[in-house]
C-alpha cells in the first residue's frame, strides 16, 4: 500500500507556490504573446491558494487528531493562509505578504511532521 506523507506534500506545494510567485513573472513574461495569461490571473492564483489550503488542512488535521493534539501548527498554517489571501487583496504589498505566508505554511508542516515523529508515528 502506498502511503503519502501529506506534510511533505504540503511543504512541496508551498514551495511550488513560492517558486511560481517569484520566477514566473521573470521567466514567462512572453506568455501573453501566445494568448496565455497566468501572471496576475486571479482564478489561477485563488486555485493555487485553494490547493494549498486543502492539502494543508488535511495533513495538519490528521497530525492534530491522531498524534499530537497541539494547535501551534494549525494556528501557524492559518496565519500563513490569511497572509496569502491578503496578498491577493492588497496587490501593491504582495511581496510583503508572500514571504511570511510561505514561511509560516512551511514551518507549520515542519512542526507538524516533527510532532508526529515525536509521538512515534511512522507515516
N, C-alpha and C. Protein backbone atom coordinates (compact mmCIF):
# COMPACT_ATOMS: atom_id res chain seq x y z
N UNK A 1 0.84 -1.18 0.00
CA UNK A 1 0.00 0.00 0.00
C UNK A 1 0.90 1.25 0.00
N UNK A 2 0.59 2.18 -0.85
CA UNK A 2 1.35 3.42 -0.94
C UNK A 2 0.85 4.40 0.11
N UNK A 3 1.78 4.92 0.90
CA UNK A 3 1.42 5.90 1.92
C UNK A 3 1.99 7.25 1.51
N UNK A 4 1.18 8.26 1.61
CA UNK A 4 1.59 9.60 1.22
C UNK A 4 1.87 10.42 2.47
N UNK A 5 3.01 11.07 2.51
CA UNK A 5 3.33 11.97 3.60
C UNK A 5 2.77 13.34 3.23
N UNK A 6 1.62 13.69 3.81
CA UNK A 6 0.93 14.91 3.45
C UNK A 6 1.67 16.16 3.93
N UNK A 7 2.47 16.04 4.97
CA UNK A 7 3.29 17.18 5.37
C UNK A 7 4.32 17.49 4.30
N UNK A 8 4.97 16.46 3.76
CA UNK A 8 5.94 16.68 2.69
C UNK A 8 5.23 17.23 1.45
N UNK A 9 4.03 16.75 1.16
CA UNK A 9 3.27 17.26 0.03
C UNK A 9 2.88 18.72 0.26
N UNK A 10 2.52 19.08 1.48
CA UNK A 10 2.18 20.46 1.81
C UNK A 10 3.39 21.38 1.68
N UNK A 11 4.55 20.91 2.14
CA UNK A 11 5.77 21.70 2.00
C UNK A 11 6.10 21.89 0.53
N UNK A 12 5.97 20.83 -0.25
CA UNK A 12 6.25 20.93 -1.69
C UNK A 12 5.29 21.88 -2.37
N UNK A 13 4.01 21.82 -2.01
CA UNK A 13 3.03 22.74 -2.61
C UNK A 13 3.32 24.18 -2.24
N UNK A 14 3.73 24.42 -1.00
CA UNK A 14 4.07 25.78 -0.58
C UNK A 14 5.29 26.30 -1.31
N UNK A 15 6.29 25.44 -1.45
CA UNK A 15 7.50 25.85 -2.16
C UNK A 15 7.21 26.06 -3.65
N UNK A 16 6.36 25.22 -4.22
CA UNK A 16 5.97 25.41 -5.62
C UNK A 16 5.26 26.74 -5.80
N UNK A 17 4.43 27.10 -4.84
CA UNK A 17 3.74 28.39 -4.88
C UNK A 17 4.74 29.54 -4.82
N UNK A 18 5.73 29.42 -3.95
CA UNK A 18 6.74 30.47 -3.82
C UNK A 18 7.56 30.60 -5.10
N UNK A 19 7.93 29.46 -5.69
CA UNK A 19 8.67 29.50 -6.95
C UNK A 19 7.82 30.11 -8.05
N UNK A 20 6.56 29.72 -8.09
CA UNK A 20 5.64 30.29 -9.07
C UNK A 20 5.57 31.80 -8.94
N UNK A 21 5.41 32.28 -7.72
CA UNK A 21 5.25 33.72 -7.49
C UNK A 21 6.54 34.49 -7.76
N UNK A 22 7.69 33.87 -7.54
CA UNK A 22 8.96 34.56 -7.71
C UNK A 22 9.50 34.49 -9.14
N UNK A 23 9.43 33.33 -9.76
CA UNK A 23 10.07 33.14 -11.05
C UNK A 23 9.17 33.35 -12.26
N UNK A 24 7.91 33.04 -12.12
CA UNK A 24 7.03 33.11 -13.27
C UNK A 24 7.01 34.49 -13.92
N UNK A 25 6.88 35.57 -13.15
CA UNK A 25 6.89 36.88 -13.80
C UNK A 25 8.22 37.20 -14.51
N UNK A 26 9.31 36.66 -14.00
CA UNK A 26 10.61 36.94 -14.60
C UNK A 26 10.87 36.13 -15.87
N UNK A 27 10.53 34.87 -15.83
CA UNK A 27 10.87 33.97 -16.92
C UNK A 27 9.82 33.93 -18.03
N UNK A 28 8.57 33.94 -17.65
CA UNK A 28 7.50 33.70 -18.62
C UNK A 28 6.71 34.95 -18.98
N UNK A 29 7.38 36.07 -19.11
CA UNK A 29 6.67 37.31 -19.44
C UNK A 29 6.17 37.33 -20.87
N UNK A 30 6.58 36.38 -21.67
CA UNK A 30 6.11 36.35 -23.05
C UNK A 30 4.83 35.53 -23.23
N UNK A 31 4.25 34.99 -22.18
CA UNK A 31 3.03 34.19 -22.32
C UNK A 31 1.87 34.93 -22.99
N UNK A 32 1.65 36.22 -22.72
CA UNK A 32 0.54 36.89 -23.41
C UNK A 32 0.69 36.91 -24.92
N UNK A 33 1.90 36.84 -25.41
CA UNK A 33 2.11 36.76 -26.86
C UNK A 33 1.51 35.50 -27.46
N UNK A 34 1.42 34.46 -26.64
CA UNK A 34 0.86 33.19 -27.09
C UNK A 34 -0.60 33.01 -26.66
N UNK A 35 -1.18 34.06 -26.11
CA UNK A 35 -2.58 34.01 -25.71
C UNK A 35 -2.82 33.37 -24.36
N UNK A 36 -1.77 33.19 -23.58
CA UNK A 36 -1.89 32.58 -22.27
C UNK A 36 -1.56 33.62 -21.21
N UNK A 37 -2.39 33.73 -20.21
CA UNK A 37 -2.13 34.70 -19.16
C UNK A 37 -2.38 34.06 -17.80
N UNK A 38 -1.29 33.58 -17.17
CA UNK A 38 -1.43 33.08 -15.80
C UNK A 38 -0.74 34.00 -14.81
N UNK A 39 -0.06 35.02 -15.33
CA UNK A 39 0.53 36.02 -14.46
C UNK A 39 -0.58 36.99 -14.09
N UNK A 40 -0.77 37.21 -12.82
CA UNK A 40 -1.84 38.07 -12.30
C UNK A 40 -3.22 37.61 -12.72
N UNK A 41 -3.37 36.31 -12.92
CA UNK A 41 -4.67 35.72 -13.22
C UNK A 41 -5.30 35.33 -11.90
N UNK A 42 -6.34 36.04 -11.51
CA UNK A 42 -6.95 35.85 -10.19
C UNK A 42 -7.46 34.42 -10.00
N UNK A 43 -8.06 33.85 -11.03
CA UNK A 43 -8.59 32.49 -10.91
C UNK A 43 -7.47 31.49 -10.65
N UNK A 44 -6.36 31.63 -11.36
CA UNK A 44 -5.22 30.73 -11.17
C UNK A 44 -4.63 30.91 -9.77
N UNK A 45 -4.49 32.15 -9.34
CA UNK A 45 -3.94 32.43 -8.01
C UNK A 45 -4.82 31.84 -6.91
N UNK A 46 -6.12 32.06 -7.01
CA UNK A 46 -7.04 31.51 -6.00
C UNK A 46 -7.06 29.98 -6.06
N UNK A 47 -6.88 29.42 -7.24
CA UNK A 47 -6.79 27.97 -7.36
C UNK A 47 -5.58 27.41 -6.66
N UNK A 48 -4.44 28.09 -6.79
CA UNK A 48 -3.22 27.66 -6.09
C UNK A 48 -3.40 27.78 -4.57
N UNK A 49 -4.03 28.85 -4.14
CA UNK A 49 -4.28 29.04 -2.71
C UNK A 49 -5.23 27.95 -2.20
N UNK A 50 -6.27 27.64 -2.98
CA UNK A 50 -7.22 26.60 -2.58
C UNK A 50 -6.53 25.24 -2.49
N UNK A 51 -5.64 24.94 -3.43
CA UNK A 51 -4.89 23.68 -3.39
C UNK A 51 -4.03 23.60 -2.13
N UNK A 52 -3.33 24.69 -1.82
CA UNK A 52 -2.51 24.71 -0.60
C UNK A 52 -3.39 24.56 0.64
N UNK A 53 -4.56 25.18 0.63
CA UNK A 53 -5.47 25.09 1.77
C UNK A 53 -5.98 23.67 1.98
N UNK A 54 -6.40 23.01 0.91
CA UNK A 54 -6.95 21.65 1.03
C UNK A 54 -5.87 20.68 1.50
N UNK A 55 -4.71 20.70 0.87
CA UNK A 55 -3.63 19.79 1.26
C UNK A 55 -3.17 20.08 2.69
N UNK A 56 -3.02 21.36 3.00
CA UNK A 56 -2.56 21.74 4.33
C UNK A 56 -3.52 21.37 5.44
N UNK A 57 -4.79 21.66 5.24
CA UNK A 57 -5.79 21.33 6.27
C UNK A 57 -5.85 19.82 6.49
N UNK A 58 -5.82 19.07 5.40
CA UNK A 58 -5.89 17.61 5.54
C UNK A 58 -4.69 17.07 6.32
N UNK A 59 -3.49 17.47 5.93
CA UNK A 59 -2.31 16.92 6.59
C UNK A 59 -2.19 17.39 8.03
N UNK A 60 -2.47 18.66 8.29
CA UNK A 60 -2.35 19.17 9.66
C UNK A 60 -3.44 18.61 10.56
N UNK A 61 -4.64 18.46 10.03
CA UNK A 61 -5.74 17.92 10.84
C UNK A 61 -5.46 16.47 11.21
N UNK A 62 -4.90 15.72 10.26
CA UNK A 62 -4.55 14.32 10.53
C UNK A 62 -3.53 14.25 11.67
N UNK A 63 -2.49 15.07 11.61
CA UNK A 63 -1.48 15.07 12.66
C UNK A 63 -2.05 15.51 14.00
N UNK A 64 -2.91 16.53 13.97
CA UNK A 64 -3.52 17.03 15.20
C UNK A 64 -4.42 15.97 15.82
N UNK A 65 -5.29 15.40 15.04
CA UNK A 65 -6.32 14.49 15.56
C UNK A 65 -5.74 13.16 16.02
N UNK A 66 -4.80 12.62 15.25
CA UNK A 66 -4.32 11.27 15.55
C UNK A 66 -3.06 11.22 16.40
N UNK A 67 -2.31 12.32 16.45
CA UNK A 67 -0.99 12.19 17.06
C UNK A 67 -0.68 13.17 18.18
N UNK A 68 -0.62 14.45 17.90
CA UNK A 68 -0.03 15.34 18.88
C UNK A 68 -1.02 16.26 19.59
N UNK A 69 -2.17 16.54 19.06
CA UNK A 69 -3.21 17.38 19.69
C UNK A 69 -2.70 18.76 20.10
N UNK A 70 -1.82 19.32 19.29
CA UNK A 70 -1.30 20.67 19.55
C UNK A 70 -1.82 21.62 18.48
N UNK A 71 -2.19 22.80 18.91
CA UNK A 71 -2.78 23.78 18.00
C UNK A 71 -1.74 24.63 17.26
N UNK A 72 -0.49 24.62 17.69
CA UNK A 72 0.50 25.51 17.09
C UNK A 72 0.65 25.34 15.57
N UNK A 73 0.72 24.11 15.02
CA UNK A 73 0.81 24.02 13.56
C UNK A 73 -0.44 24.57 12.86
N UNK A 74 -1.61 24.32 13.43
CA UNK A 74 -2.85 24.81 12.83
C UNK A 74 -2.92 26.33 12.85
N UNK A 75 -2.50 26.94 13.95
CA UNK A 75 -2.52 28.40 14.04
C UNK A 75 -1.50 29.03 13.10
N UNK A 76 -0.33 28.44 13.02
CA UNK A 76 0.70 28.95 12.12
C UNK A 76 0.26 28.83 10.66
N UNK A 77 -0.34 27.70 10.33
CA UNK A 77 -0.86 27.50 8.97
C UNK A 77 -1.99 28.48 8.67
N UNK A 78 -2.88 28.68 9.62
CA UNK A 78 -3.98 29.63 9.43
C UNK A 78 -3.49 31.04 9.21
N UNK A 79 -2.46 31.43 9.94
CA UNK A 79 -1.91 32.78 9.73
C UNK A 79 -1.26 32.89 8.36
N UNK A 80 -0.58 31.85 7.91
CA UNK A 80 0.03 31.85 6.58
C UNK A 80 -1.02 31.93 5.48
N UNK A 81 -2.11 31.20 5.64
CA UNK A 81 -3.18 31.24 4.63
C UNK A 81 -3.86 32.61 4.63
N UNK A 82 -4.03 33.20 5.80
CA UNK A 82 -4.62 34.55 5.86
C UNK A 82 -3.73 35.55 5.13
N UNK A 83 -2.41 35.41 5.29
CA UNK A 83 -1.49 36.29 4.59
C UNK A 83 -1.55 36.08 3.08
N UNK A 84 -1.77 34.83 2.64
CA UNK A 84 -1.91 34.59 1.21
C UNK A 84 -3.16 35.27 0.65
N UNK A 85 -4.25 35.22 1.39
CA UNK A 85 -5.46 35.90 0.94
C UNK A 85 -5.26 37.42 0.95
N UNK A 86 -4.55 37.93 1.94
CA UNK A 86 -4.26 39.37 1.97
C UNK A 86 -3.39 39.77 0.79
N UNK A 87 -2.50 38.89 0.37
CA UNK A 87 -1.66 39.14 -0.80
C UNK A 87 -2.51 39.35 -2.04
N UNK A 88 -3.59 38.61 -2.13
CA UNK A 88 -4.49 38.75 -3.28
C UNK A 88 -5.30 40.04 -3.22
N UNK A 89 -5.60 40.49 -2.04
CA UNK A 89 -6.42 41.70 -1.88
C UNK A 89 -5.59 42.96 -2.06
N UNK A 90 -4.42 42.99 -1.43
CA UNK A 90 -3.55 44.17 -1.47
C UNK A 90 -2.37 43.89 -2.41
N UNK A 91 -2.61 44.01 -3.71
CA UNK A 91 -1.60 43.66 -4.71
C UNK A 91 -0.31 44.47 -4.59
N UNK A 92 -0.42 45.73 -4.20
CA UNK A 92 0.78 46.56 -4.14
C UNK A 92 1.73 46.10 -3.04
N UNK A 93 1.26 45.31 -2.08
CA UNK A 93 2.09 44.83 -0.98
C UNK A 93 2.28 43.31 -1.02
N UNK A 94 2.05 42.70 -2.17
CA UNK A 94 2.02 41.25 -2.20
C UNK A 94 3.34 40.59 -1.79
N UNK A 95 4.47 41.19 -2.08
CA UNK A 95 5.74 40.60 -1.66
C UNK A 95 5.88 40.61 -0.14
N UNK A 96 5.36 41.65 0.49
CA UNK A 96 5.42 41.74 1.96
C UNK A 96 4.54 40.68 2.63
N UNK A 97 3.51 40.25 1.93
CA UNK A 97 2.64 39.20 2.47
C UNK A 97 3.13 37.82 2.07
N UNK A 98 3.69 37.69 0.88
CA UNK A 98 4.05 36.38 0.35
C UNK A 98 5.16 35.70 1.15
N UNK A 99 6.21 36.41 1.46
CA UNK A 99 7.36 35.80 2.14
C UNK A 99 6.97 35.25 3.52
N UNK A 100 6.32 36.05 4.39
CA UNK A 100 5.93 35.46 5.67
C UNK A 100 4.84 34.40 5.53
N UNK A 101 4.01 34.51 4.51
CA UNK A 101 2.95 33.49 4.30
C UNK A 101 3.57 32.13 4.01
N UNK A 102 4.49 32.09 3.06
CA UNK A 102 5.12 30.83 2.70
C UNK A 102 5.95 30.29 3.86
N UNK A 103 6.67 31.16 4.54
CA UNK A 103 7.47 30.73 5.70
C UNK A 103 6.57 30.13 6.79
N UNK A 104 5.43 30.75 7.05
CA UNK A 104 4.50 30.24 8.07
C UNK A 104 3.93 28.89 7.68
N UNK A 105 3.55 28.75 6.42
CA UNK A 105 2.95 27.49 5.97
C UNK A 105 3.97 26.36 6.00
N UNK A 106 5.18 26.62 5.52
CA UNK A 106 6.21 25.60 5.53
C UNK A 106 6.58 25.23 6.98
N UNK A 107 6.72 26.22 7.84
CA UNK A 107 7.04 25.93 9.25
C UNK A 107 5.93 25.14 9.93
N UNK A 108 4.68 25.42 9.60
CA UNK A 108 3.56 24.66 10.17
C UNK A 108 3.69 23.19 9.81
N UNK A 109 4.03 22.89 8.55
CA UNK A 109 4.18 21.49 8.13
C UNK A 109 5.40 20.85 8.78
N UNK A 110 6.48 21.59 8.91
CA UNK A 110 7.68 21.04 9.55
C UNK A 110 7.41 20.73 11.02
N UNK A 111 6.75 21.65 11.72
CA UNK A 111 6.41 21.43 13.13
C UNK A 111 5.48 20.24 13.27
N UNK A 112 4.46 20.17 12.40
CA UNK A 112 3.52 19.05 12.44
C UNK A 112 4.25 17.73 12.21
N UNK A 113 5.14 17.69 11.24
CA UNK A 113 5.92 16.49 10.93
C UNK A 113 6.74 16.06 12.14
N UNK A 114 7.42 17.02 12.76
CA UNK A 114 8.25 16.69 13.93
C UNK A 114 7.41 16.23 15.11
N UNK A 115 6.27 16.86 15.33
CA UNK A 115 5.39 16.43 16.43
C UNK A 115 4.85 15.03 16.19
N UNK A 116 4.54 14.71 14.94
CA UNK A 116 4.07 13.36 14.63
C UNK A 116 5.18 12.34 14.85
N UNK A 117 6.39 12.67 14.45
CA UNK A 117 7.53 11.77 14.66
C UNK A 117 7.83 11.59 16.14
N UNK A 118 7.69 12.67 16.89
CA UNK A 118 7.94 12.61 18.34
C UNK A 118 6.94 11.69 19.01
N UNK A 119 5.75 11.65 18.47
CA UNK A 119 4.68 10.80 19.00
C UNK A 119 4.94 9.32 18.69
N UNK A 120 5.87 9.05 17.80
CA UNK A 120 6.17 7.67 17.47
C UNK A 120 5.50 7.20 16.19
N UNK A 121 4.82 8.07 15.50
CA UNK A 121 4.14 7.71 14.27
C UNK A 121 5.16 7.63 13.14
N UNK A 122 5.02 6.64 12.30
CA UNK A 122 5.92 6.49 11.14
C UNK A 122 5.08 6.44 9.86
N UNK A 123 4.35 7.53 9.59
CA UNK A 123 3.52 7.59 8.38
C UNK A 123 4.26 8.22 7.23
